[in-house]
Amino acid sequence: MSRRPTKAADNPFCKARIEAARYNEKLYSKEGAAELLGVSVSTLSDYELGLTKIVPPDMVVKMSNLYNAPELENYYCTEMCPLGCDIPKVEAVDLDRITVKALASF
């Protein structure tokens, strides 16, 4: 089985899974990731291939946590969520600064 996705290679969910596989070998395969996420392999494949137009928000949160990729939540809100179309895009490097800024305001 190939460890390099071809059709889904540019998908943010696939990219985040592959990046996370550097730290958790089970995430190299869709089978392993699907098991950890509690979804079927075909469902995860649909997310990564863009066949599912709106991924359920709770699944985005699960993927974000499992893959240690908070940028997936921002991607979802700015690109997929019909309510979040006005939310500004945030680069992954900026997320830690936003968190620090938000905590400092308390």
N, C-alpha and C. Protein backbone atom coordinates (compact mmCIF):
# COMPACT_ATOMS: atom_id res chain seq x y z
N MET A 1 0.84 -1.18 0.00
CA MET A 1 0.00 0.00 0.00
C MET A 1 0.88 1.24 0.00
N SER A 2 0.57 2.18 -0.83
CA SER A 2 1.33 3.42 -0.93
C SER A 2 1.09 4.30 0.29
N ARG A 3 2.12 4.99 0.70
CA ARG A 3 1.99 5.91 1.83
C ARG A 3 1.80 7.35 1.37
N ARG A 4 1.81 7.57 0.07
CA ARG A 4 1.65 8.92 -0.48
C ARG A 4 0.29 9.05 -1.15
N PRO A 5 -0.56 9.95 -0.66
CA PRO A 5 -1.84 10.15 -1.34
C PRO A 5 -1.62 10.85 -2.67
N THR A 6 -2.47 10.55 -3.62
CA THR A 6 -2.32 11.20 -4.92
C THR A 6 -3.45 12.18 -5.17
N LYS A 7 -4.66 11.70 -5.19
CA LYS A 7 -5.81 12.56 -5.49
C LYS A 7 -6.08 13.56 -4.38
N ALA A 8 -5.85 13.19 -3.13
CA ALA A 8 -6.17 14.05 -2.00
C ALA A 8 -4.97 14.84 -1.49
N ALA A 9 -3.88 14.81 -2.20
CA ALA A 9 -2.63 15.40 -1.71
C ALA A 9 -2.73 16.88 -1.36
N ASP A 10 -3.61 17.63 -2.01
CA ASP A 10 -3.73 19.06 -1.73
C ASP A 10 -4.84 19.38 -0.73
N ASN A 11 -5.54 18.38 -0.27
CA ASN A 11 -6.63 18.59 0.68
C ASN A 11 -6.05 18.87 2.07
N PRO A 12 -6.52 19.93 2.77
CA PRO A 12 -5.97 20.28 4.08
C PRO A 12 -6.13 19.16 5.12
N PHE A 13 -7.22 18.41 5.04
CA PHE A 13 -7.42 17.33 6.01
C PHE A 13 -6.41 16.21 5.77
N CYS A 14 -6.15 15.90 4.51
CA CYS A 14 -5.17 14.88 4.16
C CYS A 14 -3.76 15.35 4.53
N LYS A 15 -3.44 16.59 4.20
CA LYS A 15 -2.12 17.14 4.54
C LYS A 15 -1.87 17.07 6.04
N ALA A 16 -2.87 17.45 6.83
CA ALA A 16 -2.72 17.44 8.29
C ALA A 16 -2.52 16.01 8.80
N ARG A 17 -3.24 15.05 8.23
CA ARG A 17 -3.08 13.64 8.65
C ARG A 17 -1.68 13.14 8.34
N ILE A 18 -1.21 13.41 7.14
CA ILE A 18 0.12 12.95 6.74
C ILE A 18 1.20 13.61 7.60
N GLU A 19 1.05 14.89 7.88
CA GLU A 19 2.01 15.59 8.75
C GLU A 19 1.99 14.97 10.16
N ALA A 20 0.81 14.67 10.66
CA ALA A 20 0.68 14.07 11.99
C ALA A 20 1.25 12.66 12.03
N ALA A 21 1.30 11.99 10.89
CA ALA A 21 1.83 10.63 10.82
C ALA A 21 3.33 10.59 11.16
N ARG A 22 3.97 11.73 11.09
CA ARG A 22 5.38 11.77 11.50
C ARG A 22 5.52 11.44 12.98
N TYR A 23 4.47 11.68 13.75
CA TYR A 23 4.50 11.44 15.19
C TYR A 23 3.64 10.25 15.62
N ASN A 24 2.72 9.84 14.76
CA ASN A 24 1.85 8.70 15.05
C ASN A 24 1.73 7.87 13.77
N GLU A 25 2.48 6.80 13.69
CA GLU A 25 2.57 6.00 12.47
C GLU A 25 1.21 5.46 12.01
N LYS A 26 0.29 5.32 12.94
CA LYS A 26 -1.03 4.79 12.58
C LYS A 26 -1.77 5.74 11.62
N LEU A 27 -1.39 6.99 11.61
CA LEU A 27 -2.06 7.98 10.77
C LEU A 27 -1.59 7.96 9.32
N TYR A 28 -0.55 7.18 9.01
CA TYR A 28 -0.12 7.07 7.61
C TYR A 28 -1.21 6.46 6.75
N SER A 29 -2.01 5.59 7.32
CA SER A 29 -3.08 4.97 6.54
C SER A 29 -4.43 5.57 6.90
N LYS A 30 -5.30 5.60 5.92
CA LYS A 30 -6.67 6.06 6.18
C LYS A 30 -7.36 5.11 7.15
N GLU A 31 -7.01 3.82 7.06
CA GLU A 31 -7.62 2.83 7.95
C GLU A 31 -7.32 3.14 9.40
N GLY A 32 -6.04 3.43 9.69
CA GLY A 32 -5.64 3.74 11.06
C GLY A 32 -6.27 5.03 11.55
N ALA A 33 -6.27 6.05 10.71
CA ALA A 33 -6.86 7.34 11.09
C ALA A 33 -8.36 7.21 11.30
N ALA A 34 -9.03 6.49 10.40
CA ALA A 34 -10.48 6.31 10.52
C ALA A 34 -10.83 5.61 11.83
N GLU A 35 -10.03 4.62 12.20
CA GLU A 35 -10.27 3.90 13.46
C GLU A 35 -10.15 4.86 14.65
N LEU A 36 -9.11 5.69 14.66
CA LEU A 36 -8.91 6.63 15.76
C LEU A 36 -9.98 7.72 15.79
N LEU A 37 -10.51 8.07 14.63
CA LEU A 37 -11.55 9.10 14.55
C LEU A 37 -12.96 8.54 14.78
N GLY A 38 -13.10 7.23 14.68
CA GLY A 38 -14.41 6.62 14.87
C GLY A 38 -15.33 6.77 13.67
N VAL A 39 -14.74 6.79 12.46
CA VAL A 39 -15.53 6.85 11.23
C VAL A 39 -15.08 5.73 10.31
N SER A 40 -15.85 5.49 9.27
CA SER A 40 -15.45 4.47 8.31
C SER A 40 -14.34 5.02 7.41
N VAL A 41 -13.60 4.12 6.81
CA VAL A 41 -12.53 4.51 5.89
C VAL A 41 -13.11 5.29 4.71
N SER A 42 -14.26 4.85 4.21
CA SER A 42 -14.86 5.55 3.07
C SER A 42 -15.30 6.97 3.44
N THR A 43 -15.75 7.16 4.67
CA THR A 43 -16.13 8.51 5.12
C THR A 43 -14.91 9.41 5.17
N LEU A 44 -13.82 8.93 5.77
CA LEU A 44 -12.60 9.72 5.84
C LEU A 44 -12.07 10.00 4.43
N SER A 45 -12.16 9.02 3.57
CA SER A 45 -11.73 9.20 2.19
C SER A 45 -12.56 10.28 1.50
N ASP A 46 -13.85 10.29 1.73
CA ASP A 46 -14.72 11.33 1.16
C ASP A 46 -14.33 12.72 1.66
N TYR A 47 -13.97 12.83 2.95
CA TYR A 47 -13.53 14.12 3.49
C TYR A 47 -12.25 14.57 2.78
N GLU A 48 -11.30 13.64 2.64
CA GLU A 48 -9.99 13.99 2.08
C GLU A 48 -10.03 14.21 0.57
N LEU A 49 -10.98 13.62 -0.10
CA LEU A 49 -11.12 13.82 -1.55
C LEU A 49 -12.02 15.00 -1.89
N GLY A 50 -12.64 15.60 -0.87
CA GLY A 50 -13.53 16.72 -1.10
C GLY A 50 -14.89 16.32 -1.61
N LEU A 51 -15.23 15.05 -1.49
CA LEU A 51 -16.55 14.57 -1.94
C LEU A 51 -17.65 14.97 -0.97
N THR A 52 -17.30 15.12 0.30
CA THR A 52 -18.24 15.62 1.30
C THR A 52 -18.06 17.12 1.33
N LYS A 53 -19.06 17.85 0.90
CA LYS A 53 -18.93 19.30 0.75
C LYS A 53 -18.79 20.01 2.09
N ILE A 54 -19.54 19.57 3.10
CA ILE A 54 -19.43 20.17 4.43
C ILE A 54 -19.18 19.06 5.43
N VAL A 55 -17.95 19.00 5.91
CA VAL A 55 -17.57 18.02 6.92
C VAL A 55 -18.23 18.44 8.24
N PRO A 56 -18.81 17.50 8.99
CA PRO A 56 -19.44 17.87 10.26
C PRO A 56 -18.45 18.58 11.19
N PRO A 57 -18.87 19.66 11.83
CA PRO A 57 -17.96 20.43 12.68
C PRO A 57 -17.32 19.60 13.79
N ASP A 58 -18.07 18.67 14.37
CA ASP A 58 -17.48 17.86 15.43
C ASP A 58 -16.35 16.98 14.89
N MET A 59 -16.44 16.57 13.64
CA MET A 59 -15.38 15.77 13.03
C MET A 59 -14.16 16.64 12.76
N VAL A 60 -14.36 17.88 12.39
CA VAL A 60 -13.23 18.79 12.19
C VAL A 60 -12.49 18.99 13.51
N VAL A 61 -13.23 19.12 14.59
CA VAL A 61 -12.60 19.27 15.91
C VAL A 61 -11.83 18.00 16.28
N LYS A 62 -12.40 16.84 16.01
CA LYS A 62 -11.69 15.58 16.29
C LYS A 62 -10.40 15.48 15.48
N MET A 63 -10.48 15.80 14.18
CA MET A 63 -9.29 15.75 13.34
C MET A 63 -8.25 16.77 13.82
N SER A 64 -8.71 17.96 14.14
CA SER A 64 -7.81 19.00 14.62
C SER A 64 -7.06 18.55 15.86
N ASN A 65 -7.76 17.92 16.79
CA ASN A 65 -7.14 17.44 18.02
C ASN A 65 -6.23 16.25 17.77
N LEU A 66 -6.70 15.26 17.02
CA LEU A 66 -5.91 14.06 16.76
C LEU A 66 -4.65 14.38 15.96
N TYR A 67 -4.77 15.25 14.98
CA TYR A 67 -3.64 15.59 14.12
C TYR A 67 -2.79 16.72 14.70
N ASN A 68 -3.23 17.28 15.82
CA ASN A 68 -2.57 18.44 16.41
C ASN A 68 -2.43 19.55 15.36
N ALA A 69 -3.56 19.86 14.74
CA ALA A 69 -3.58 20.82 13.63
C ALA A 69 -4.72 21.82 13.83
N PRO A 70 -4.55 22.81 14.71
CA PRO A 70 -5.62 23.78 14.95
C PRO A 70 -6.01 24.58 13.72
N GLU A 71 -5.12 24.63 12.73
CA GLU A 71 -5.44 25.37 11.50
C GLU A 71 -6.60 24.75 10.74
N LEU A 72 -6.92 23.48 11.00
CA LEU A 72 -8.07 22.85 10.36
C LEU A 72 -9.37 23.51 10.78
N GLU A 73 -9.45 23.95 12.02
CA GLU A 73 -10.67 24.61 12.49
C GLU A 73 -10.85 25.95 11.79
N ASN A 74 -9.76 26.69 11.63
CA ASN A 74 -9.84 27.96 10.92
C ASN A 74 -10.18 27.73 9.46
N TYR A 75 -9.58 26.71 8.86
CA TYR A 75 -9.89 26.37 7.46
C TYR A 75 -11.38 26.07 7.32
N TYR A 76 -11.90 25.27 8.23
CA TYR A 76 -13.31 24.91 8.17
C TYR A 76 -14.18 26.17 8.26
N CYS A 77 -13.86 27.02 9.24
CA CYS A 77 -14.70 28.20 9.46
C CYS A 77 -14.64 29.19 8.30
N THR A 78 -13.49 29.30 7.66
CA THR A 78 -13.37 30.29 6.59
C THR A 78 -13.72 29.74 5.21
N GLU A 79 -13.63 28.43 5.02
CA GLU A 79 -13.83 27.86 3.69
C GLU A 79 -15.08 27.00 3.55
N MET A 80 -15.55 26.39 4.64
CA MET A 80 -16.63 25.42 4.52
C MET A 80 -17.91 25.83 5.23
N CYS A 81 -17.80 26.49 6.35
CA CYS A 81 -18.96 26.82 7.17
C CYS A 81 -19.75 27.96 6.54
N PRO A 82 -21.03 27.76 6.30
CA PRO A 82 -21.82 28.83 5.68
C PRO A 82 -21.96 30.07 6.56
N LEU A 83 -21.78 29.92 7.88
CA LEU A 83 -21.89 31.06 8.78
C LEU A 83 -20.56 31.81 8.94
N GLY A 84 -19.45 31.15 8.64
CA GLY A 84 -18.16 31.74 8.91
C GLY A 84 -17.46 32.37 7.74
N CYS A 85 -18.19 32.69 6.71
CA CYS A 85 -17.55 33.22 5.50
C CYS A 85 -16.86 34.55 5.74
N ASP A 86 -17.20 35.27 6.80
CA ASP A 86 -16.59 36.57 7.08
C ASP A 86 -15.43 36.49 8.07
N ILE A 87 -15.11 35.29 8.55
CA ILE A 87 -14.03 35.13 9.50
C ILE A 87 -12.70 35.23 8.76
N PRO A 88 -11.77 36.03 9.27
CA PRO A 88 -10.48 36.16 8.57
C PRO A 88 -9.67 34.87 8.67
N LYS A 89 -8.90 34.60 7.60
CA LYS A 89 -8.03 33.44 7.60
C LYS A 89 -6.83 33.71 8.50
N VAL A 90 -6.39 32.68 9.19
CA VAL A 90 -5.26 32.79 10.09
C VAL A 90 -4.22 31.77 9.66
N GLU A 91 -2.99 32.19 9.58
CA GLU A 91 -1.90 31.27 9.26
C GLU A 91 -1.57 30.47 10.53
N ALA A 92 -1.10 29.25 10.36
CA ALA A 92 -0.80 28.38 11.50
C ALA A 92 0.22 29.02 12.44
N VAL A 93 1.17 29.77 11.92
CA VAL A 93 2.17 30.41 12.77
C VAL A 93 1.57 31.51 13.63
N ASP A 94 0.43 32.04 13.24
CA ASP A 94 -0.21 33.11 14.00
C ASP A 94 -1.09 32.58 15.13
N LEU A 95 -1.44 31.31 15.10
CA LEU A 95 -2.38 30.78 16.08
C LEU A 95 -1.87 30.91 17.50
N ASP A 96 -0.58 30.67 17.74
CA ASP A 96 -0.06 30.78 19.10
C ASP A 96 -0.12 32.22 19.59
N ARG A 97 0.08 33.17 18.70
CA ARG A 97 0.01 34.58 19.08
C ARG A 97 -1.42 34.99 19.42
N ILE A 98 -2.37 34.47 18.69
CA ILE A 98 -3.77 34.77 18.96
C ILE A 98 -4.15 34.23 20.34
N THR A 99 -3.71 33.01 20.64
CA THR A 99 -4.01 32.40 21.93
C THR A 99 -3.42 33.22 23.06
N VAL A 100 -2.18 33.61 22.92
CA VAL A 100 -1.52 34.42 23.95
C VAL A 100 -2.24 35.75 24.11
N LYS A 101 -2.60 36.37 23.00
CA LYS A 101 -3.31 37.65 23.05
C LYS A 101 -4.67 37.50 23.74
N ALA A 102 -5.39 36.43 23.42
CA ALA A 102 -6.70 36.20 24.03
C ALA A 102 -6.56 35.94 25.53
N LEU A 103 -5.56 35.17 25.93
CA LEU A 103 -5.36 34.89 27.34
C LEU A 103 -4.92 36.14 28.11
N ALA A 104 -4.16 37.00 27.46
CA ALA A 104 -3.69 38.22 28.11
C ALA A 104 -4.83 39.19 28.37
N SER A 105 -5.91 39.09 27.60
CA SER A 105 -7.03 40.02 27.79
C SER A 105 -7.94 39.64 28.95
N PHE A 106 -7.74 38.44 29.52
CA PHE A 106 -8.58 38.05 30.66
C PHE A 106 -8.17 38.71 31.91
